[in-house]
Structures are given as structure tokens and as C-alpha cells.
């Protein structure tokens, strides 16, 4: 099941990267990307970066490595949540 969802996310990410102009025409510019990425092409770059991130997450889901990555990223928070041993 993870392979199907991961493949779907990879496909959506690929479409975001390859059809950036279509996204610009239908969804318009995003102010955050325009302000922080560049003056005129910031939204295009933002759509492409979001697509690349989706491809990365989809590959991790399809291969089953997303749990390990999230565990590693969140380990500083979860290490302090261990129950106390009062023996």
C-alpha cells in the first residue's frame, strides 16, 4: 500500500515540476515565494521546490524509509518523553 501512495506522490511531484507554467496560470503567484525567493520567478521556483520535496517524500514512502527519517528528525523531542522508572 505504501508503494501505491508513494508512487502517487512521486507522480504529483513530477507534474508539479514539469507543469509549473500550468500551475502559475491556474493558481497564480504565491506572495511568500515572490518575496523570499526572487523578484519575478519566485512562484515558479517555489512550485518546483514543492514538487521536488513531494518526489523526495514519495520515494521515502514507497521504500518504507519515511518512518526512520521522521524518527531521526523527531528524536530530540521523543527522547525526553520516556516514562520515568521509579524503582
PDB file of N, CA and C in Angstrom:
ATOM      1  N   UNK A   1       0.815  -1.188   0.000  1.00  0.00           N
ATOM      2  CA  UNK A   1       0.000   0.000   0.000  1.00  0.00           C
ATOM      3  C   UNK A   1       0.865   1.260   0.000  1.00  0.00           C
ATOM      4  N   UNK A   2       1.990   1.194   0.728  1.00  0.00           N
ATOM      5  CA  UNK A   2       2.888   2.345   0.746  1.00  0.00           C
ATOM      6  C   UNK A   2       3.464   2.631  -0.633  1.00  0.00           C
ATOM      7  N   UNK A   3       3.664   1.573  -1.417  1.00  0.00           N
ATOM      8  CA  UNK A   3       4.223   1.761  -2.753  1.00  0.00           C
ATOM      9  C   UNK A   3       3.241   2.546  -3.624  1.00  0.00           C
ATOM     10  N   UNK A   4       1.961   2.257  -3.478  1.00  0.00           N
ATOM     11  CA  UNK A   4       0.949   2.952  -4.288  1.00  0.00           C
ATOM     12  C   UNK A   4       0.883   4.427  -3.908  1.00  0.00           C
ATOM     13  N   UNK A   5       0.781   4.709  -2.601  1.00  0.00           N
ATOM     14  CA  UNK A   5       0.714   6.101  -2.166  1.00  0.00           C
ATOM     15  C   UNK A   5       2.009   6.848  -2.472  1.00  0.00           C
ATOM     16  N   UNK A   6       3.141   6.196  -2.258  1.00  0.00           N
ATOM     17  CA  UNK A   6       4.420   6.818  -2.568  1.00  0.00           C
ATOM     18  C   UNK A   6       4.555   7.119  -4.049  1.00  0.00           C
ATOM     19  N   UNK A   7       4.141   6.167  -4.890  1.00  0.00           N
ATOM     20  CA  UNK A   7       4.181   6.393  -6.337  1.00  0.00           C
ATOM     21  C   UNK A   7       3.262   7.510  -6.772  1.00  0.00           C
ATOM     22  N   UNK A   8       2.103   7.601  -6.140  1.00  0.00           N
ATOM     23  CA  UNK A   8       1.165   8.686  -6.447  1.00  0.00           C
ATOM     24  C   UNK A   8       1.755  10.049  -6.078  1.00  0.00           C
ATOM     25  N   UNK A   9       2.402  10.124  -4.930  1.00  0.00           N
ATOM     26  CA  UNK A   9       3.022  11.386  -4.512  1.00  0.00           C
ATOM     27  C   UNK A   9       4.190  11.734  -5.427  1.00  0.00           C
ATOM     28  N   UNK A  10       4.971  10.739  -5.839  1.00  0.00           N
ATOM     29  CA  UNK A  10       6.064  10.994  -6.785  1.00  0.00           C
ATOM     30  C   UNK A  10       5.507  11.523  -8.101  1.00  0.00           C
ATOM     31  N   UNK A  11       4.414  10.939  -8.569  1.00  0.00           N
ATOM     32  CA  UNK A  11       3.800  11.388  -9.820  1.00  0.00           C
ATOM     33  C   UNK A  11       3.283  12.819  -9.706  1.00  0.00           C
ATOM     34  N   UNK A  12       2.639  13.144  -8.599  1.00  0.00           N
ATOM     35  CA  UNK A  12       2.154  14.510  -8.384  1.00  0.00           C
ATOM     36  C   UNK A  12       3.327  15.483  -8.326  1.00  0.00           C
ATOM     37  N   UNK A  13       4.403  15.096  -7.656  1.00  0.00           N
ATOM     38  CA  UNK A  13       5.593  15.937  -7.610  1.00  0.00           C
ATOM     39  C   UNK A  13       6.201  16.144  -8.985  1.00  0.00           C
ATOM     40  N   UNK A  14       6.234  15.077  -9.781  1.00  0.00           N
ATOM     41  CA  UNK A  14       6.749  15.197 -11.146  1.00  0.00           C
ATOM     42  C   UNK A  14       5.902  16.167 -11.963  1.00  0.00           C
ATOM     43  N   UNK A  15       4.581  16.073 -11.814  1.00  0.00           N
ATOM     44  CA  UNK A  15       3.705  17.004 -12.527  1.00  0.00           C
ATOM     45  C   UNK A  15       3.917  18.444 -12.071  1.00  0.00           C
ATOM     46  N   UNK A  16       4.150  18.632 -10.773  1.00  0.00           N
ATOM     47  CA  UNK A  16       4.402  19.987 -10.271  1.00  0.00           C
ATOM     48  C   UNK A  16       5.670  20.578 -10.879  1.00  0.00           C
ATOM     49  N   UNK A  17       6.690  19.741 -11.045  1.00  0.00           N
ATOM     50  CA  UNK A  17       7.949  20.229 -11.622  1.00  0.00           C
ATOM     51  C   UNK A  17       7.817  20.462 -13.113  1.00  0.00           C
ATOM     52  N   UNK A  18       7.141  19.556 -13.805  1.00  0.00           N
ATOM     53  CA  UNK A  18       7.094  19.661 -15.260  1.00  0.00           C
ATOM     54  C   UNK A  18       6.014  20.625 -15.763  1.00  0.00           C
ATOM     55  N   UNK A  19       4.958  20.824 -15.025  1.00  0.00           N
ATOM     56  CA  UNK A  19       3.848  21.682 -15.463  1.00  0.00           C
ATOM     57  C   UNK A  19       3.742  22.942 -14.610  1.00  0.00           C
ATOM     58  N   UNK A  20       4.868  23.569 -14.348  1.00  0.00           N
ATOM     59  CA  UNK A  20       4.894  24.756 -13.496  1.00  0.00           C
ATOM     60  C   UNK A  20       4.113  25.908 -14.116  1.00  0.00           C
ATOM     61  N   UNK A  21       4.211  26.074 -15.401  1.00  0.00           N
ATOM     62  CA  UNK A  21       3.501  27.180 -16.057  1.00  0.00           C
ATOM     63  C   UNK A  21       1.988  26.988 -15.945  1.00  0.00           C
ATOM     64  N   UNK A  22       1.508  25.757 -16.056  1.00  0.00           N
ATOM     65  CA  UNK A  22       0.088  25.485 -15.894  1.00  0.00           C
ATOM     66  C   UNK A  22      -0.367  25.841 -14.474  1.00  0.00           C
ATOM     67  N   UNK A  23       0.472  25.490 -13.484  1.00  0.00           N
ATOM     68  CA  UNK A  23       0.147  25.844 -12.103  1.00  0.00           C
ATOM     69  C   UNK A  23       0.089  27.356 -11.927  1.00  0.00           C
ATOM     70  N   UNK A  24       1.013  28.064 -12.574  1.00  0.00           N
ATOM     71  CA  UNK A  24       1.017  29.527 -12.475  1.00  0.00           C
ATOM     72  C   UNK A  24      -0.250  30.116 -13.086  1.00  0.00           C
ATOM     73  N   UNK A  25      -0.683  29.594 -14.222  1.00  0.00           N
ATOM     74  CA  UNK A  25      -1.877  30.123 -14.881  1.00  0.00           C
ATOM     75  C   UNK A  25      -3.143  29.840 -14.084  1.00  0.00           C
ATOM     76  N   UNK A  26      -3.220  28.679 -13.445  1.00  0.00           N
ATOM     77  CA  UNK A  26      -4.449  28.284 -12.761  1.00  0.00           C
ATOM     78  C   UNK A  26      -4.507  28.684 -11.295  1.00  0.00           C
ATOM     79  N   UNK A  27      -3.377  28.734 -10.615  1.00  0.00           N
ATOM     80  CA  UNK A  27      -3.376  29.054  -9.192  1.00  0.00           C
ATOM     81  C   UNK A  27      -2.746  30.404  -8.887  1.00  0.00           C
ATOM     82  N   UNK A  28      -2.020  30.957  -9.830  1.00  0.00           N
ATOM     83  CA  UNK A  28      -1.458  32.284  -9.657  1.00  0.00           C
ATOM     84  C   UNK A  28      -0.175  32.302  -8.853  1.00  0.00           C
ATOM     85  N   UNK A  29       0.256  33.507  -8.568  1.00  0.00           N
ATOM     86  CA  UNK A  29       1.506  33.701  -7.828  1.00  0.00           C
ATOM     87  C   UNK A  29       1.269  33.532  -6.337  1.00  0.00           C
ATOM     88  N   UNK A  30       2.320  33.125  -5.645  1.00  0.00           N
ATOM     89  CA  UNK A  30       2.279  32.971  -4.198  1.00  0.00           C
ATOM     90  C   UNK A  30       3.179  34.046  -3.611  1.00  0.00           C
ATOM     91  N   UNK A  31       2.600  34.904  -2.800  1.00  0.00           N
ATOM     92  CA  UNK A  31       3.319  36.068  -2.279  1.00  0.00           C
ATOM     93  C   UNK A  31       4.566  35.720  -1.488  1.00  0.00           C
ATOM     94  N   UNK A  32       4.509  34.655  -0.696  1.00  0.00           N
ATOM     95  CA  UNK A  32       5.673  34.266   0.110  1.00  0.00           C
ATOM     96  C   UNK A  32       6.859  33.935  -0.786  1.00  0.00           C
ATOM     97  N   UNK A  33       6.597  33.146  -1.835  1.00  0.00           N
ATOM     98  CA  UNK A  33       7.673  32.773  -2.745  1.00  0.00           C
ATOM     99  C   UNK A  33       8.185  33.981  -3.519  1.00  0.00           C
ATOM    100  N   UNK A  34       7.301  34.862  -3.924  1.00  0.00           N
ATOM    101  CA  UNK A  34       7.718  36.052  -4.658  1.00  0.00           C
ATOM    102  C   UNK A  34       8.598  36.945  -3.790  1.00  0.00           C
ATOM    103  N   UNK A  35       8.290  37.018  -2.514  1.00  0.00           N
ATOM    104  CA  UNK A  35       9.049  37.898  -1.628  1.00  0.00           C
ATOM    105  C   UNK A  35      10.410  37.317  -1.270  1.00  0.00           C
ATOM    106  N   UNK A  36      10.466  36.037  -0.983  1.00  0.00           N
ATOM    107  CA  UNK A  36      11.694  35.477  -0.427  1.00  0.00           C
ATOM    108  C   UNK A  36      12.570  34.712  -1.417  1.00  0.00           C
ATOM    109  N   UNK A  37      12.047  34.289  -2.569  1.00  0.00           N
ATOM    110  CA  UNK A  37      12.886  33.518  -3.491  1.00  0.00           C
ATOM    111  C   UNK A  37      13.484  34.362  -4.605  1.00  0.00           C
ATOM    112  N   UNK A  38      12.732  35.274  -5.174  1.00  0.00           N
ATOM    113  CA  UNK A  38      13.290  36.203  -6.163  1.00  0.00           C
ATOM    114  C   UNK A  38      12.221  37.220  -6.505  1.00  0.00           C
ATOM    115  N   UNK A  39      12.529  38.118  -7.437  1.00  0.00           N
ATOM    116  CA  UNK A  39      11.590  39.210  -7.709  1.00  0.00           C
ATOM    117  C   UNK A  39      10.460  38.804  -8.652  1.00  0.00           C
ATOM    118  N   UNK A  40      10.759  38.077  -9.729  1.00  0.00           N
ATOM    119  CA  UNK A  40       9.711  37.781 -10.707  1.00  0.00           C
ATOM    120  C   UNK A  40       9.396  36.298 -10.822  1.00  0.00           C
ATOM    121  N   UNK A  41      10.379  35.430 -10.746  1.00  0.00           N
ATOM    122  CA  UNK A  41      10.149  33.999 -10.941  1.00  0.00           C
ATOM    123  C   UNK A  41      10.069  33.222  -9.656  1.00  0.00           C
ATOM    124  N   UNK A  42       9.789  33.865  -8.560  1.00  0.00           N
ATOM    125  CA  UNK A  42       9.786  33.195  -7.264  1.00  0.00           C
ATOM    126  C   UNK A  42       8.721  32.130  -7.135  1.00  0.00           C
ATOM    127  N   UNK A  43       7.546  32.379  -7.687  1.00  0.00           N
ATOM    128  CA  UNK A  43       6.473  31.390  -7.592  1.00  0.00           C
ATOM    129  C   UNK A  43       6.795  30.151  -8.415  1.00  0.00           C
ATOM    130  N   UNK A  44       7.378  30.349  -9.581  1.00  0.00           N
ATOM    131  CA  UNK A  44       7.776  29.189 -10.402  1.00  0.00           C
ATOM    132  C   UNK A  44       8.792  28.337  -9.661  1.00  0.00           C
ATOM    133  N   UNK A  45       9.783  29.002  -9.073  1.00  0.00           N
ATOM    134  CA  UNK A  45      10.789  28.275  -8.305  1.00  0.00           C
ATOM    135  C   UNK A  45      10.152  27.605  -7.097  1.00  0.00           C
ATOM    136  N   UNK A  46       9.212  28.254  -6.448  1.00  0.00           N
ATOM    137  CA  UNK A  46       8.531  27.672  -5.296  1.00  0.00           C
ATOM    138  C   UNK A  46       7.737  26.435  -5.665  1.00  0.00           C
ATOM    139  N   UNK A  47       7.016  26.482  -6.801  1.00  0.00           N
ATOM    140  CA  UNK A  47       6.281  25.309  -7.263  1.00  0.00           C
ATOM    141  C   UNK A  47       7.240  24.160  -7.562  1.00  0.00           C
ATOM    142  N   UNK A  48       8.376  24.465  -8.166  1.00  0.00           N
ATOM    143  CA  UNK A  48       9.350  23.423  -8.479  1.00  0.00           C
ATOM    144  C   UNK A  48       9.957  22.836  -7.204  1.00  0.00           C
ATOM    145  N   UNK A  49      10.273  23.680  -6.225  1.00  0.00           N
ATOM    146  CA  UNK A  49      10.821  23.173  -4.969  1.00  0.00           C
ATOM    147  C   UNK A  49       9.802  22.309  -4.229  1.00  0.00           C
ATOM    148  N   UNK A  50       8.537  22.708  -4.252  1.00  0.00           N
ATOM    149  CA  UNK A  50       7.492  21.896  -3.621  1.00  0.00           C
ATOM    150  C   UNK A  50       7.351  20.556  -4.339  1.00  0.00           C
ATOM    151  N   UNK A  51       7.479  20.548  -5.653  1.00  0.00           N
ATOM    152  CA  UNK A  51       7.421  19.304  -6.413  1.00  0.00           C
ATOM    153  C   UNK A  51       8.591  18.387  -6.102  1.00  0.00           C
ATOM    154  N   UNK A  52       9.783  18.950  -5.989  1.00  0.00           N
ATOM    155  CA  UNK A  52      10.964  18.147  -5.653  1.00  0.00           C
ATOM    156  C   UNK A  52      10.822  17.569  -4.248  1.00  0.00           C
ATOM    157  N   UNK A  53      10.297  18.365  -3.320  1.00  0.00           N
ATOM    158  CA  UNK A  53      10.058  17.866  -1.962  1.00  0.00           C
ATOM    159  C   UNK A  53       9.021  16.736  -1.977  1.00  0.00           C
ATOM    160  N   UNK A  54       7.984  16.867  -2.791  1.00  0.00           N
ATOM    161  CA  UNK A  54       6.976  15.814  -2.901  1.00  0.00           C
ATOM    162  C   UNK A  54       7.586  14.538  -3.480  1.00  0.00           C
ATOM    163  N   UNK A  55       8.456  14.664  -4.465  1.00  0.00           N
ATOM    164  CA  UNK A  55       9.128  13.488  -5.035  1.00  0.00           C
ATOM    165  C   UNK A  55       9.979  12.803  -3.971  1.00  0.00           C
ATOM    166  N   UNK A  56      10.711  13.582  -3.194  1.00  0.00           N
ATOM    167  CA  UNK A  56      11.565  13.028  -2.135  1.00  0.00           C
ATOM    168  C   UNK A  56      10.719  12.288  -1.096  1.00  0.00           C
ATOM    169  N   UNK A  57       9.630  12.902  -0.656  1.00  0.00           N
ATOM    170  CA  UNK A  57       8.769  12.269   0.340  1.00  0.00           C
ATOM    171  C   UNK A  57       8.098  11.026  -0.246  1.00  0.00           C
ATOM    172  N   UNK A  58       7.692  11.082  -1.510  1.00  0.00           N
ATOM    173  CA  UNK A  58       7.073   9.924  -2.156  1.00  0.00           C
ATOM    174  C   UNK A  58       8.025   8.745  -2.268  1.00  0.00           C
ATOM    175  N   UNK A  59       9.275   9.012  -2.602  1.00  0.00           N
ATOM    176  CA  UNK A  59      10.268   7.926  -2.685  1.00  0.00           C
ATOM    177  C   UNK A  59      10.493   7.327  -1.302  1.00  0.00           C
ATOM    178  N   UNK A  60      10.570   8.175  -0.284  1.00  0.00           N
ATOM    179  CA  UNK A  60      10.739   7.658   1.072  1.00  0.00           C
ATOM    180  C   UNK A  60       9.546   6.814   1.498  1.00  0.00           C
ATOM    181  N   UNK A  61       8.347   7.236   1.124  1.00  0.00           N
ATOM    182  CA  UNK A  61       7.160   6.446   1.460  1.00  0.00           C
ATOM    183  C   UNK A  61       7.153   5.116   0.717  1.00  0.00           C
ATOM    184  N   UNK A  62       7.493   5.136  -0.558  1.00  0.00           N
ATOM    185  CA  UNK A  62       7.462   3.916  -1.361  1.00  0.00           C
ATOM    186  C   UNK A  62       8.494   2.898  -0.892  1.00  0.00           C
ATOM    187  N   UNK A  63       9.626   3.368  -0.407  1.00  0.00           N
ATOM    188  CA  UNK A  63      10.673   2.453   0.049  1.00  0.00           C
ATOM    189  C   UNK A  63      10.545   2.100   1.523  1.00  0.00           C
ATOM    190  N   UNK A  64       9.630   2.743   2.228  1.00  0.00           N
ATOM    191  CA  UNK A  64       9.428   2.438   3.642  1.00  0.00           C
ATOM    192  C   UNK A  64      10.410   3.113   4.568  1.00  0.00           C
ATOM    193  N   UNK A  65      11.110   4.120   4.105  1.00  0.00           N
ATOM    194  CA  UNK A  65      12.109   4.802   4.927  1.00  0.00           C
ATOM    195  C   UNK A  65      11.583   6.055   5.612  1.00  0.00           C
ATOM    196  N   UNK A  66      10.324   6.412   5.376  1.00  0.00           N
ATOM    197  CA  UNK A  66       9.780   7.639   5.945  1.00  0.00           C
ATOM    198  C   UNK A  66       9.712   7.540   7.468  1.00  0.00           C
ATOM    199  N   UNK A  67       9.419   6.360   8.012  1.00  0.00           N
ATOM    200  CA  UNK A  67       9.352   6.193   9.461  1.00  0.00           C
ATOM    201  C   UNK A  67      10.718   6.408  10.106  1.00  0.00           C
ATOM    202  N   UNK A  68      11.751   5.874   9.479  1.00  0.00           N
ATOM    203  CA  UNK A  68      13.097   6.051  10.022  1.00  0.00           C
ATOM    204  C   UNK A  68      13.519   7.506   9.983  1.00  0.00           C
ATOM    205  N   UNK A  69      13.203   8.201   8.888  1.00  0.00           N
ATOM    206  CA  UNK A  69      13.585   9.605   8.772  1.00  0.00           C
ATOM    207  C   UNK A  69      12.844  10.454   9.795  1.00  0.00           C
ATOM    208  N   UNK A  70      11.544  10.235   9.938  1.00  0.00           N
ATOM    209  CA  UNK A  70      10.784  11.001  10.921  1.00  0.00           C
ATOM    210  C   UNK A  70      11.237  10.692  12.340  1.00  0.00           C
ATOM    211  N   UNK A  71      11.564   9.441  12.610  1.00  0.00           N
ATOM    212  CA  UNK A  71      12.097   9.082  13.921  1.00  0.00           C
ATOM    213  C   UNK A  71      13.408   9.777  14.216  1.00  0.00           C
ATOM    214  N   UNK A  72      14.266   9.891  13.208  1.00  0.00           N
ATOM    215  CA  UNK A  72      15.545  10.564  13.388  1.00  0.00           C
ATOM    216  C   UNK A  72      15.350  12.066  13.589  1.00  0.00           C
ATOM    217  N   UNK A  73      14.444  12.664  12.797  1.00  0.00           N
ATOM    218  CA  UNK A  73      14.213  14.106  12.913  1.00  0.00           C
ATOM    219  C   UNK A  73      13.584  14.450  14.260  1.00  0.00           C
ATOM    220  N   UNK A  74      12.650  13.634  14.702  1.00  0.00           N
ATOM    221  CA  UNK A  74      11.928  13.924  15.941  1.00  0.00           C
ATOM    222  C   UNK A  74      12.569  13.308  17.182  1.00  0.00           C
ATOM    223  N   UNK A  75      13.712  12.663  17.052  1.00  0.00           N
ATOM    224  CA  UNK A  75      14.338  12.005  18.188  1.00  0.00           C
ATOM    225  C   UNK A  75      14.702  12.959  19.330  1.00  0.00           C
ATOM    226  N   UNK A  76      15.107  14.197  19.075  1.00  0.00           N
ATOM    227  CA  UNK A  76      15.355  15.079  20.227  1.00  0.00           C
ATOM    228  C   UNK A  76      14.095  15.337  21.053  1.00  0.00           C
ATOM    229  N   UNK A  77      12.938  15.344  20.422  1.00  0.00           N
ATOM    230  CA  UNK A  77      11.697  15.562  21.160  1.00  0.00           C
ATOM    231  C   UNK A  77      11.212  14.298  21.852  1.00  0.00           C
ATOM    232  N   UNK A  78      11.334  13.172  21.173  1.00  0.00           N
ATOM    233  CA  UNK A  78      10.802  11.932  21.741  1.00  0.00           C
ATOM    234  C   UNK A  78      11.716  11.332  22.797  1.00  0.00           C
ATOM    235  N   UNK A  79      12.995  11.682  22.835  1.00  0.00           N
ATOM    236  CA  UNK A  79      13.889  11.126  23.855  1.00  0.00           C
ATOM    237  C   UNK A  79      13.543  11.665  25.237  1.00  0.00           C
ATOM    238  N   UNK A  80      12.931  12.816  25.311  1.00  0.00           N
ATOM    239  CA  UNK A  80      12.552  13.387  26.602  1.00  0.00           C
ATOM    240  C   UNK A  80      11.165  12.930  27.051  1.00  0.00           C
ATOM    241  N   UNK A  81      10.497  12.132  26.265  1.00  0.00           N
ATOM    242  CA  UNK A  81       9.160  11.661  26.596  1.00  0.00           C
ATOM    243  C   UNK A  81       9.157  10.247  27.175  1.00  0.00           C
ATOM    244  N   UNK A  82      10.320   9.710  27.494  1.00  0.00           N
ATOM    245  CA  UNK A  82      10.405   8.369  28.060  1.00  0.00           C
ATOM    246  C   UNK A  82       9.829   8.374  29.468  1.00  0.00           C
ATOM    247  N   UNK A  83       9.061   7.344  29.827  1.00  0.00           N
ATOM    248  CA  UNK A  83       8.496   7.306  31.178  1.00  0.00           C
ATOM    249  C   UNK A  83       9.607   7.121  32.215  1.00  0.00           C
ATOM    250  N   UNK A  84       9.399   7.727  33.358  1.00  0.00           N
ATOM    251  CA  UNK A  84      10.384   7.629  34.436  1.00  0.00           C
ATOM    252  C   UNK A  84      10.255   6.270  35.121  1.00  0.00           C
ATOM    253  N   UNK A  85      11.388   5.697  35.466  1.00  0.00           N
ATOM    254  CA  UNK A  85      11.421   4.422  36.176  1.00  0.00           C
ATOM    255  C   UNK A  85      11.603   4.725  37.650  1.00  0.00           C
ATOM    256  N   UNK A  86      10.573   4.488  38.457  1.00  0.00           N
ATOM    257  CA  UNK A  86      10.609   4.833  39.893  1.00  0.00           C
ATOM    258  C   UNK A  86      10.932   3.629  40.770  1.00  0.00           C
ATOM    259  N   UNK A  87      11.812   2.761  40.362  1.00  0.00           N
ATOM    260  CA  UNK A  87      12.167   1.594  41.183  1.00  0.00           C
ATOM    261  C   UNK A  87      13.203   1.921  42.173  1.00  0.00           C
TER     262      UNK A  87
END
